[in-house]
Amino acid sequence: MDFKIDTKDAFAIIIPVTGKLDANLAEEVVNKCNETRLNGSNNLIIDLQHITDVEESALAVFVQLHEDSYSNEQSLVFTGINPNVGAALKANETDLLLNVAPKMIEAVDIISMEILERDLFGEE
């Protein structure tokens, strides 16, 4: 599986380059997230711009990734979601369990705000 990774100062963007998201690909995304975190990027944006179809089993993997990220005080945002994938997220209300941003700039804003919140609450 091919991935594009763009590392910024405060976060990294992971872009899976494929058409269908199944459980195996979702696990590969999790592995890529773990590798990226080992390299120092704790806040991640998963850009699903190339994903045109998704299996429900993959969504369960993403929900677990989201829960693991936030339990470790790390941010995770999904963006670039096409209408088919968006419909799948809404069908089983997964969209309520994940941070989903319509555009990349909004995903970056979410990450930035969460970093700021952790910094502010960490100082008290």
N, C-alpha and C. Protein backbone atom coordinates (compact mmCIF):
# COMPACT_ATOMS: atom_id res chain seq x y z
N MET A 1 0.84 -1.18 0.00
CA MET A 1 0.00 0.00 0.00
C MET A 1 0.88 1.23 0.00
N ASP A 2 0.54 2.16 -0.85
CA ASP A 2 1.28 3.41 -0.92
C ASP A 2 0.63 4.47 -0.05
N PHE A 3 1.49 5.25 0.58
CA PHE A 3 1.06 6.38 1.40
C PHE A 3 1.90 7.57 1.02
N LYS A 4 1.28 8.73 1.09
CA LYS A 4 2.02 9.97 1.02
C LYS A 4 2.01 10.53 2.44
N ILE A 5 3.16 11.00 2.90
CA ILE A 5 3.24 11.57 4.24
C ILE A 5 3.88 12.94 4.13
N ASP A 6 3.22 13.91 4.73
CA ASP A 6 3.72 15.28 4.75
C ASP A 6 3.86 15.68 6.21
N THR A 7 5.09 15.89 6.65
CA THR A 7 5.35 16.21 8.05
C THR A 7 5.51 17.72 8.21
N LYS A 8 4.74 18.27 9.10
CA LYS A 8 4.81 19.70 9.46
C LYS A 8 5.38 19.81 10.88
N ASP A 9 5.51 21.02 11.38
CA ASP A 9 6.06 21.21 12.72
C ASP A 9 5.19 20.57 13.81
N ALA A 10 3.89 20.80 13.75
CA ALA A 10 3.01 20.38 14.83
C ALA A 10 2.20 19.12 14.52
N PHE A 11 2.25 18.65 13.28
CA PHE A 11 1.44 17.49 12.90
C PHE A 11 2.00 16.86 11.63
N ALA A 12 1.44 15.70 11.29
CA ALA A 12 1.77 15.02 10.04
C ALA A 12 0.47 14.69 9.32
N ILE A 13 0.54 14.70 8.00
CA ILE A 13 -0.61 14.34 7.17
C ILE A 13 -0.29 13.00 6.52
N ILE A 14 -1.19 12.06 6.69
CA ILE A 14 -1.04 10.74 6.08
C ILE A 14 -2.14 10.58 5.04
N ILE A 15 -1.74 10.28 3.80
CA ILE A 15 -2.68 10.15 2.70
C ILE A 15 -2.56 8.75 2.11
N PRO A 16 -3.52 7.86 2.37
CA PRO A 16 -3.50 6.56 1.69
C PRO A 16 -3.88 6.74 0.22
N VAL A 17 -3.12 6.11 -0.65
CA VAL A 17 -3.35 6.27 -2.09
C VAL A 17 -3.97 4.98 -2.62
N THR A 18 -5.29 4.91 -2.52
CA THR A 18 -6.04 3.75 -3.02
C THR A 18 -7.50 4.15 -3.15
N GLY A 19 -8.32 3.27 -3.69
CA GLY A 19 -9.72 3.60 -3.90
C GLY A 19 -10.66 3.07 -2.83
N LYS A 20 -10.37 1.87 -2.29
CA LYS A 20 -11.29 1.26 -1.34
C LYS A 20 -10.60 1.06 0.00
N LEU A 21 -11.31 1.42 1.05
CA LEU A 21 -10.79 1.27 2.40
C LEU A 21 -11.45 0.06 3.04
N ASP A 22 -10.65 -0.99 3.25
CA ASP A 22 -11.14 -2.17 3.95
C ASP A 22 -10.37 -2.30 5.26
N ALA A 23 -10.65 -3.34 6.02
CA ALA A 23 -10.02 -3.50 7.34
C ALA A 23 -8.51 -3.63 7.22
N ASN A 24 -8.03 -4.31 6.19
CA ASN A 24 -6.58 -4.46 6.01
C ASN A 24 -5.91 -3.12 5.77
N LEU A 25 -6.49 -2.31 4.92
CA LEU A 25 -5.92 -0.99 4.65
C LEU A 25 -6.01 -0.11 5.90
N ALA A 26 -7.10 -0.22 6.63
CA ALA A 26 -7.24 0.56 7.86
C ALA A 26 -6.15 0.18 8.85
N GLU A 27 -5.82 -1.09 8.95
CA GLU A 27 -4.73 -1.53 9.83
C GLU A 27 -3.39 -0.99 9.34
N GLU A 28 -3.20 -0.92 8.03
CA GLU A 28 -1.98 -0.33 7.48
C GLU A 28 -1.90 1.16 7.83
N VAL A 29 -3.04 1.84 7.81
CA VAL A 29 -3.08 3.25 8.21
C VAL A 29 -2.68 3.38 9.68
N VAL A 30 -3.20 2.50 10.52
CA VAL A 30 -2.84 2.50 11.94
C VAL A 30 -1.33 2.29 12.10
N ASN A 31 -0.78 1.34 11.37
CA ASN A 31 0.66 1.09 11.44
C ASN A 31 1.46 2.30 10.99
N LYS A 32 1.00 2.96 9.93
CA LYS A 32 1.68 4.16 9.44
C LYS A 32 1.58 5.28 10.47
N CYS A 33 0.45 5.38 11.15
CA CYS A 33 0.30 6.37 12.23
C CYS A 33 1.29 6.09 13.34
N ASN A 34 1.41 4.83 13.72
CA ASN A 34 2.35 4.46 14.78
C ASN A 34 3.79 4.77 14.39
N GLU A 35 4.16 4.47 13.15
CA GLU A 35 5.50 4.79 12.66
C GLU A 35 5.75 6.30 12.70
N THR A 36 4.75 7.05 12.26
CA THR A 36 4.87 8.51 12.22
C THR A 36 5.02 9.06 13.63
N ARG A 37 4.29 8.50 14.57
CA ARG A 37 4.40 8.95 15.96
C ARG A 37 5.76 8.61 16.55
N LEU A 38 6.32 7.47 16.17
CA LEU A 38 7.66 7.12 16.65
C LEU A 38 8.71 8.11 16.14
N ASN A 39 8.42 8.73 15.01
CA ASN A 39 9.32 9.74 14.44
C ASN A 39 9.05 11.14 14.98
N GLY A 40 8.15 11.26 15.97
CA GLY A 40 7.96 12.52 16.66
C GLY A 40 6.71 13.31 16.30
N SER A 41 5.88 12.83 15.41
CA SER A 41 4.64 13.54 15.06
C SER A 41 3.46 12.89 15.78
N ASN A 42 3.06 13.49 16.89
CA ASN A 42 1.98 12.91 17.70
C ASN A 42 0.59 13.32 17.24
N ASN A 43 0.48 14.36 16.44
CA ASN A 43 -0.81 14.86 15.98
C ASN A 43 -0.93 14.57 14.49
N LEU A 44 -2.02 13.90 14.11
CA LEU A 44 -2.12 13.40 12.75
C LEU A 44 -3.41 13.83 12.07
N ILE A 45 -3.28 14.05 10.77
CA ILE A 45 -4.43 14.26 9.90
C ILE A 45 -4.40 13.12 8.89
N ILE A 46 -5.51 12.41 8.78
CA ILE A 46 -5.65 11.35 7.78
C ILE A 46 -6.49 11.92 6.65
N ASP A 47 -5.88 12.11 5.50
CA ASP A 47 -6.55 12.68 4.34
C ASP A 47 -7.04 11.54 3.45
N LEU A 48 -8.35 11.37 3.38
CA LEU A 48 -8.96 10.26 2.64
C LEU A 48 -9.40 10.67 1.24
N GLN A 49 -8.75 11.66 0.65
CA GLN A 49 -9.16 12.19 -0.64
C GLN A 49 -9.21 11.15 -1.76
N HIS A 50 -8.40 10.09 -1.67
CA HIS A 50 -8.37 9.07 -2.72
C HIS A 50 -9.33 7.91 -2.46
N ILE A 51 -9.92 7.88 -1.28
CA ILE A 51 -10.81 6.77 -0.90
C ILE A 51 -12.21 7.04 -1.46
N THR A 52 -12.70 6.10 -2.25
CA THR A 52 -14.02 6.25 -2.86
C THR A 52 -15.07 5.32 -2.26
N ASP A 53 -14.61 4.31 -1.52
CA ASP A 53 -15.53 3.35 -0.92
C ASP A 53 -14.91 2.84 0.38
N VAL A 54 -15.76 2.49 1.33
CA VAL A 54 -15.26 2.06 2.64
C VAL A 54 -16.11 0.91 3.16
N GLU A 55 -15.45 -0.05 3.80
CA GLU A 55 -16.15 -1.14 4.47
C GLU A 55 -16.36 -0.78 5.94
N GLU A 56 -17.44 -1.26 6.50
CA GLU A 56 -17.77 -0.94 7.89
C GLU A 56 -16.68 -1.41 8.85
N SER A 57 -16.04 -2.53 8.54
CA SER A 57 -14.97 -3.04 9.42
C SER A 57 -13.80 -2.05 9.51
N ALA A 58 -13.54 -1.31 8.45
CA ALA A 58 -12.46 -0.31 8.46
C ALA A 58 -12.82 0.84 9.38
N LEU A 59 -14.09 1.19 9.43
CA LEU A 59 -14.51 2.29 10.29
C LEU A 59 -14.30 1.94 11.76
N ALA A 60 -14.53 0.70 12.11
CA ALA A 60 -14.31 0.27 13.50
C ALA A 60 -12.83 0.42 13.87
N VAL A 61 -11.94 0.13 12.93
CA VAL A 61 -10.50 0.30 13.18
C VAL A 61 -10.18 1.77 13.40
N PHE A 62 -10.79 2.65 12.62
CA PHE A 62 -10.56 4.09 12.76
C PHE A 62 -11.11 4.62 14.09
N VAL A 63 -12.24 4.10 14.53
CA VAL A 63 -12.79 4.52 15.83
C VAL A 63 -11.81 4.13 16.94
N GLN A 64 -11.25 2.94 16.87
CA GLN A 64 -10.28 2.50 17.88
C GLN A 64 -9.02 3.36 17.82
N LEU A 65 -8.56 3.70 16.62
CA LEU A 65 -7.39 4.57 16.47
C LEU A 65 -7.67 5.95 17.09
N HIS A 66 -8.86 6.45 16.87
CA HIS A 66 -9.26 7.74 17.43
C HIS A 66 -9.24 7.70 18.96
N GLU A 67 -9.84 6.66 19.52
CA GLU A 67 -9.89 6.52 20.98
C GLU A 67 -8.49 6.38 21.57
N ASP A 68 -7.63 5.60 20.93
CA ASP A 68 -6.26 5.42 21.40
C ASP A 68 -5.49 6.74 21.34
N SER A 69 -5.69 7.50 20.28
CA SER A 69 -5.00 8.78 20.12
C SER A 69 -5.35 9.73 21.25
N TYR A 70 -6.64 9.89 21.50
CA TYR A 70 -7.07 10.86 22.51
C TYR A 70 -6.78 10.39 23.93
N SER A 71 -6.72 9.09 24.16
CA SER A 71 -6.36 8.62 25.50
C SER A 71 -4.88 8.87 25.78
N ASN A 72 -4.10 9.09 24.71
CA ASN A 72 -2.67 9.41 24.86
C ASN A 72 -2.38 10.89 24.62
N GLU A 73 -3.42 11.72 24.71
CA GLU A 73 -3.31 13.17 24.50
C GLU A 73 -2.68 13.52 23.16
N GLN A 74 -3.13 12.85 22.13
CA GLN A 74 -2.70 13.12 20.76
C GLN A 74 -3.94 13.45 19.94
N SER A 75 -3.75 14.24 18.90
CA SER A 75 -4.88 14.64 18.06
C SER A 75 -4.93 13.79 16.79
N LEU A 76 -6.14 13.57 16.31
CA LEU A 76 -6.36 12.82 15.08
C LEU A 76 -7.60 13.39 14.39
N VAL A 77 -7.44 13.80 13.14
CA VAL A 77 -8.54 14.37 12.38
C VAL A 77 -8.57 13.71 11.00
N PHE A 78 -9.77 13.40 10.53
CA PHE A 78 -9.97 12.84 9.20
C PHE A 78 -10.52 13.94 8.29
N THR A 79 -10.01 14.02 7.08
CA THR A 79 -10.48 15.01 6.12
C THR A 79 -10.46 14.42 4.71
N GLY A 80 -10.92 15.20 3.75
CA GLY A 80 -10.93 14.76 2.35
C GLY A 80 -11.94 13.66 2.08
N ILE A 81 -13.03 13.68 2.79
CA ILE A 81 -14.00 12.59 2.70
C ILE A 81 -14.99 12.85 1.58
N ASN A 82 -15.07 11.90 0.65
CA ASN A 82 -16.00 12.05 -0.48
C ASN A 82 -17.42 11.65 -0.05
N PRO A 83 -18.43 11.95 -0.85
CA PRO A 83 -19.82 11.70 -0.45
C PRO A 83 -20.13 10.24 -0.11
N ASN A 84 -19.56 9.27 -0.84
CA ASN A 84 -19.82 7.86 -0.53
C ASN A 84 -19.30 7.48 0.85
N VAL A 85 -18.09 7.92 1.14
CA VAL A 85 -17.50 7.62 2.44
C VAL A 85 -18.25 8.38 3.55
N GLY A 86 -18.61 9.61 3.27
CA GLY A 86 -19.40 10.38 4.23
C GLY A 86 -20.72 9.72 4.56
N ALA A 87 -21.37 9.16 3.54
CA ALA A 87 -22.64 8.46 3.76
C ALA A 87 -22.43 7.23 4.63
N ALA A 88 -21.33 6.52 4.41
CA ALA A 88 -21.03 5.33 5.22
C ALA A 88 -20.77 5.73 6.67
N LEU A 89 -20.08 6.84 6.87
CA LEU A 89 -19.83 7.33 8.23
C LEU A 89 -21.13 7.68 8.94
N LYS A 90 -22.03 8.32 8.22
CA LYS A 90 -23.31 8.73 8.82
C LYS A 90 -24.26 7.57 9.02
N ALA A 91 -24.17 6.55 8.17
CA ALA A 91 -25.09 5.42 8.25
C ALA A 91 -25.03 4.72 9.61
N ASN A 92 -23.84 4.59 10.16
CA ASN A 92 -23.75 3.94 11.48
C ASN A 92 -23.27 4.91 12.56
N GLU A 93 -23.39 6.22 12.27
CA GLU A 93 -23.07 7.30 13.20
C GLU A 93 -21.61 7.34 13.63
N THR A 94 -20.74 6.79 12.79
CA THR A 94 -19.31 6.87 13.05
C THR A 94 -18.84 8.31 12.96
N ASP A 95 -19.52 9.13 12.18
CA ASP A 95 -19.14 10.54 12.05
C ASP A 95 -19.22 11.27 13.39
N LEU A 96 -20.00 10.73 14.33
CA LEU A 96 -20.12 11.33 15.66
C LEU A 96 -18.99 10.90 16.60
N LEU A 97 -18.25 9.86 16.20
CA LEU A 97 -17.20 9.30 17.04
C LEU A 97 -15.80 9.74 16.62
N LEU A 98 -15.69 10.32 15.44
CA LEU A 98 -14.40 10.74 14.89
C LEU A 98 -14.37 12.25 14.72
N ASN A 99 -13.18 12.81 14.73
CA ASN A 99 -13.02 14.20 14.32
C ASN A 99 -12.96 14.22 12.80
N VAL A 100 -13.98 14.81 12.19
CA VAL A 100 -14.05 14.88 10.74
C VAL A 100 -14.10 16.35 10.35
N ALA A 101 -13.21 16.75 9.46
CA ALA A 101 -13.19 18.12 8.96
C ALA A 101 -13.41 18.10 7.46
N PRO A 102 -14.29 18.98 6.96
CA PRO A 102 -14.58 18.98 5.52
C PRO A 102 -13.36 19.34 4.66
N LYS A 103 -12.51 20.22 5.14
CA LYS A 103 -11.37 20.67 4.35
C LYS A 103 -10.10 20.60 5.19
N MET A 104 -8.97 20.55 4.49
CA MET A 104 -7.68 20.44 5.16
C MET A 104 -7.45 21.61 6.12
N ILE A 105 -7.78 22.81 5.72
CA ILE A 105 -7.54 23.98 6.58
C ILE A 105 -8.29 23.85 7.90
N GLU A 106 -9.48 23.27 7.85
CA GLU A 106 -10.25 23.06 9.08
C GLU A 106 -9.63 21.96 9.94
N ALA A 107 -9.07 20.94 9.31
CA ALA A 107 -8.38 19.89 10.06
C ALA A 107 -7.16 20.47 10.78
N VAL A 108 -6.43 21.33 10.10
CA VAL A 108 -5.27 21.99 10.71
C VAL A 108 -5.72 22.86 11.88
N ASP A 109 -6.84 23.56 11.73
CA ASP A 109 -7.38 24.38 12.82
C ASP A 109 -7.74 23.54 14.04
N ILE A 110 -8.35 22.38 13.82
CA ILE A 110 -8.71 21.49 14.93
C ILE A 110 -7.46 21.05 15.67
N ILE A 111 -6.44 20.62 14.92
CA ILE A 111 -5.18 20.19 15.53
C ILE A 111 -4.59 21.34 16.35
N SER A 112 -4.54 22.52 15.76
CA SER A 112 -3.95 23.69 16.44
C SER A 112 -4.69 24.02 17.73
N MET A 113 -6.01 23.99 17.68
CA MET A 113 -6.80 24.29 18.88
C MET A 113 -6.60 23.23 19.97
N GLU A 114 -6.52 21.99 19.57
CA GLU A 114 -6.33 20.93 20.57
C GLU A 114 -4.95 21.02 21.21
N ILE A 115 -3.93 21.37 20.43
CA ILE A 115 -2.59 21.56 20.99
C ILE A 115 -2.63 22.70 22.01
N LEU A 116 -3.28 23.79 21.63
CA LEU A 116 -3.40 24.94 22.53
C LEU A 116 -4.14 24.57 23.81
N GLU A 117 -5.24 23.84 23.68
CA GLU A 117 -6.00 23.41 24.86
C GLU A 117 -5.16 22.54 25.78
N ARG A 118 -4.41 21.60 25.21
CA ARG A 118 -3.57 20.73 26.05
C ARG A 118 -2.50 21.56 26.76
N ASP A 119 -1.93 22.52 26.05
CA ASP A 119 -0.92 23.39 26.66
C ASP A 119 -1.52 24.21 27.80
N LEU A 120 -2.71 24.77 27.58
CA LEU A 120 -3.34 25.61 28.60
C LEU A 120 -3.74 24.79 29.81
N PHE A 121 -4.37 23.64 29.60
CA PHE A 121 -4.81 22.83 30.72
C PHE A 121 -3.65 22.15 31.42
N GLY A 122 -2.56 21.94 30.70
CA GLY A 122 -1.39 21.33 31.30
C GLY A 122 -0.66 22.26 32.25
N GLU A 123 -0.86 23.59 32.09
CA GLU A 123 -0.18 24.56 32.93
C GLU A 123 -0.90 24.79 34.25
N GLU A 124 -2.16 24.42 34.35
CA GLU A 124 -2.94 24.71 35.55
C GLU A 124 -2.61 23.79 36.69
